[in-house]
Amino acid sequence: GAEFFWIHPFAHVDERFIGQINNTPRAAMNLKMGDTVSFVKNEIVDWMYMDEGTMKGNYSSRAFLKSAAPKEREAFRRRFGLDFDF
């Protein structure tokens, strides 16, 4: 199976992207948080950026948040300091 990582910071270099793993790998025993990885555009499955304090993208979290209880949504907002544009 595949494991997904948040990559930040990253840069676009020629036809590839390069960046650091920004979460703790759970299954990939040969990787750790902070390791530098290289990947191509079609390997990107989710993305996120902020626009004046509002989260754009981050579709994996949005799927969870849409069905989450208001209390869980508010906890997410407080923890990450994000507002969503559902």
C-alpha atoms as a PDB file:
ATOM      1  CA  GLY A   1       0.000   0.000   0.000  1.00  0.00           C
ATOM      2  CA  ALA A   2       0.873   3.625  -0.374  1.00  0.00           C
ATOM      3  CA  GLU A   3       1.632   6.050   2.422  1.00  0.00           C
ATOM      4  CA  PHE A   4       0.913   9.737   2.040  1.00  0.00           C
ATOM      5  CA  PHE A   5       3.032  12.593   3.390  1.00  0.00           C
ATOM      6  CA  TRP A   6       2.695  16.337   3.803  1.00  0.00           C
ATOM      7  CA  ILE A   7       5.700  17.922   2.078  1.00  0.00           C
ATOM      8  CA  HIS A   8       6.800  21.350   3.280  1.00  0.00           C
ATOM      9  CA  PRO A   9       8.774  23.265   2.266  1.00  0.00           C
ATOM     10  CA  PHE A  10       9.122  22.162  -1.345  1.00  0.00           C
ATOM     11  CA  ALA A  11      10.410  23.519  -4.625  1.00  0.00           C
ATOM     12  CA  HIS A  12       9.729  22.839  -8.295  1.00  0.00           C
ATOM     13  CA  VAL A  13      12.995  21.803  -9.963  1.00  0.00           C
ATOM     14  CA  ASP A  14      12.829  21.025 -13.678  1.00  0.00           C
ATOM     15  CA  GLU A  15      10.126  18.324 -14.067  1.00  0.00           C
ATOM     16  CA  ARG A  16      10.211  17.258 -10.407  1.00  0.00           C
ATOM     17  CA  PHE A  17       9.433  18.612  -6.971  1.00  0.00           C
ATOM     18  CA  ILE A  18      11.744  18.273  -3.990  1.00  0.00           C
ATOM     19  CA  GLY A  19      10.854  18.871  -0.358  1.00  0.00           C
ATOM     20  CA  GLN A  20      10.889  17.687   3.226  1.00  0.00           C
ATOM     21  CA  ILE A  21       8.482  15.243   4.841  1.00  0.00           C
ATOM     22  CA  ASN A  22       6.447  17.271   7.356  1.00  0.00           C
ATOM     23  CA  ASN A  23       4.697  14.479   9.251  1.00  0.00           C
ATOM     24  CA  THR A  24       5.781  11.253  10.942  1.00  0.00           C
ATOM     25  CA  PRO A  25       5.781   8.266   8.561  1.00  0.00           C
ATOM     26  CA  ARG A  26       3.876   5.313   9.999  1.00  0.00           C
ATOM     27  CA  ALA A  27       4.584   2.498   7.539  1.00  0.00           C
ATOM     28  CA  ALA A  28       7.625   3.650   5.544  1.00  0.00           C
ATOM     29  CA  MET A  29      10.331   2.466   7.901  1.00  0.00           C
ATOM     30  CA  ASN A  30      13.120   3.886   5.707  1.00  0.00           C
ATOM     31  CA  LEU A  31      11.813   7.476   6.012  1.00  0.00           C
ATOM     32  CA  LYS A  32      11.441   9.949   8.867  1.00  0.00           C
ATOM     33  CA  MET A  33      10.065  13.434   9.383  1.00  0.00           C
ATOM     34  CA  GLY A  34      12.444  15.984   7.854  1.00  0.00           C
ATOM     35  CA  ASP A  35      13.809  13.654   5.172  1.00  0.00           C
ATOM     36  CA  THR A  36      14.095  15.174   1.709  1.00  0.00           C
ATOM     37  CA  VAL A  37      12.104  13.444  -1.020  1.00  0.00           C
ATOM     38  CA  SER A  38      11.640  13.969  -4.750  1.00  0.00           C
ATOM     39  CA  PHE A  39       8.363  13.439  -6.625  1.00  0.00           C
ATOM     40  CA  VAL A  40       6.523  14.257  -9.839  1.00  0.00           C
ATOM     41  CA  LYS A  41       3.256  16.138 -10.361  1.00  0.00           C
ATOM     42  CA  ASN A  42       1.100  13.023 -10.867  1.00  0.00           C
ATOM     43  CA  GLU A  43       2.160  11.755  -7.430  1.00  0.00           C
ATOM     44  CA  ILE A  44       0.461  14.722  -5.707  1.00  0.00           C
ATOM     45  CA  VAL A  45      -2.893  13.625  -4.273  1.00  0.00           C
ATOM     46  CA  ASP A  46      -3.786  16.595  -2.076  1.00  0.00           C
ATOM     47  CA  TRP A  47      -2.556  20.136  -1.529  1.00  0.00           C
ATOM     48  CA  MET A  48      -3.290  23.144   0.624  1.00  0.00           C
ATOM     49  CA  TYR A  49      -2.538  26.845   0.767  1.00  0.00           C
ATOM     50  CA  MET A  50      -3.862  29.792   2.744  1.00  0.00           C
ATOM     51  CA  ASP A  51      -5.631  32.778   1.204  1.00  0.00           C
ATOM     52  CA  GLU A  52      -6.164  35.599   3.712  1.00  0.00           C
ATOM     53  CA  GLY A  53      -6.550  33.112   6.572  1.00  0.00           C
ATOM     54  CA  THR A  54      -8.842  30.733   4.685  1.00  0.00           C
ATOM     55  CA  MET A  55      -7.728  27.182   3.875  1.00  0.00           C
ATOM     56  CA  LYS A  56      -7.838  26.302   0.161  1.00  0.00           C
ATOM     57  CA  GLY A  57      -7.472  22.704  -1.006  1.00  0.00           C
ATOM     58  CA  ASN A  58      -6.779  20.094   1.722  1.00  0.00           C
ATOM     59  CA  TYR A  59      -9.553  17.887   0.363  1.00  0.00           C
ATOM     60  CA  SER A  60      -8.683  14.935   2.597  1.00  0.00           C
ATOM     61  CA  SER A  61      -9.370  16.996   5.732  1.00  0.00           C
ATOM     62  CA  ARG A  62     -12.451  18.561   4.164  1.00  0.00           C
ATOM     63  CA  ALA A  63     -13.973  15.115   3.642  1.00  0.00           C
ATOM     64  CA  PHE A  64     -13.554  14.429   7.353  1.00  0.00           C
ATOM     65  CA  LEU A  65     -14.701  17.883   8.437  1.00  0.00           C
ATOM     66  CA  LYS A  66     -17.903  17.865   6.368  1.00  0.00           C
ATOM     67  CA  SER A  67     -19.193  14.869   8.307  1.00  0.00           C
ATOM     68  CA  ALA A  68     -17.605  15.797  11.655  1.00  0.00           C
ATOM     69  CA  ALA A  69     -19.604  17.072  14.576  1.00  0.00           C
ATOM     70  CA  PRO A  70     -19.488  20.862  15.034  1.00  0.00           C
ATOM     71  CA  LYS A  71     -17.385  20.354  18.178  1.00  0.00           C
ATOM     72  CA  GLU A  72     -14.759  18.394  16.203  1.00  0.00           C
ATOM     73  CA  ARG A  73     -14.774  21.015  13.434  1.00  0.00           C
ATOM     74  CA  GLU A  74     -14.194  23.779  15.966  1.00  0.00           C
ATOM     75  CA  ALA A  75     -11.368  21.799  17.616  1.00  0.00           C
ATOM     76  CA  PHE A  76      -9.690  21.422  14.209  1.00  0.00           C
ATOM     77  CA  ARG A  77     -10.095  25.143  13.519  1.00  0.00           C
ATOM     78  CA  ARG A  78      -8.581  26.077  16.895  1.00  0.00           C
ATOM     79  CA  ARG A  79      -5.732  23.552  16.675  1.00  0.00           C
ATOM     80  CA  PHE A  80      -4.588  24.622  13.222  1.00  0.00           C
ATOM     81  CA  GLY A  81      -5.851  28.216  13.194  1.00  0.00           C
ATOM     82  CA  LEU A  82      -7.732  27.596   9.956  1.00  0.00           C
ATOM     83  CA  ASP A  83     -11.037  28.674   8.533  1.00  0.00           C
ATOM     84  CA  PHE A  84     -12.575  26.665   5.695  1.00  0.00           C
ATOM     85  CA  ASP A  85     -14.473  27.723   2.610  1.00  0.00           C
ATOM     86  CA  PHE A  86     -16.835  24.732   2.304  1.00  0.00           C
END
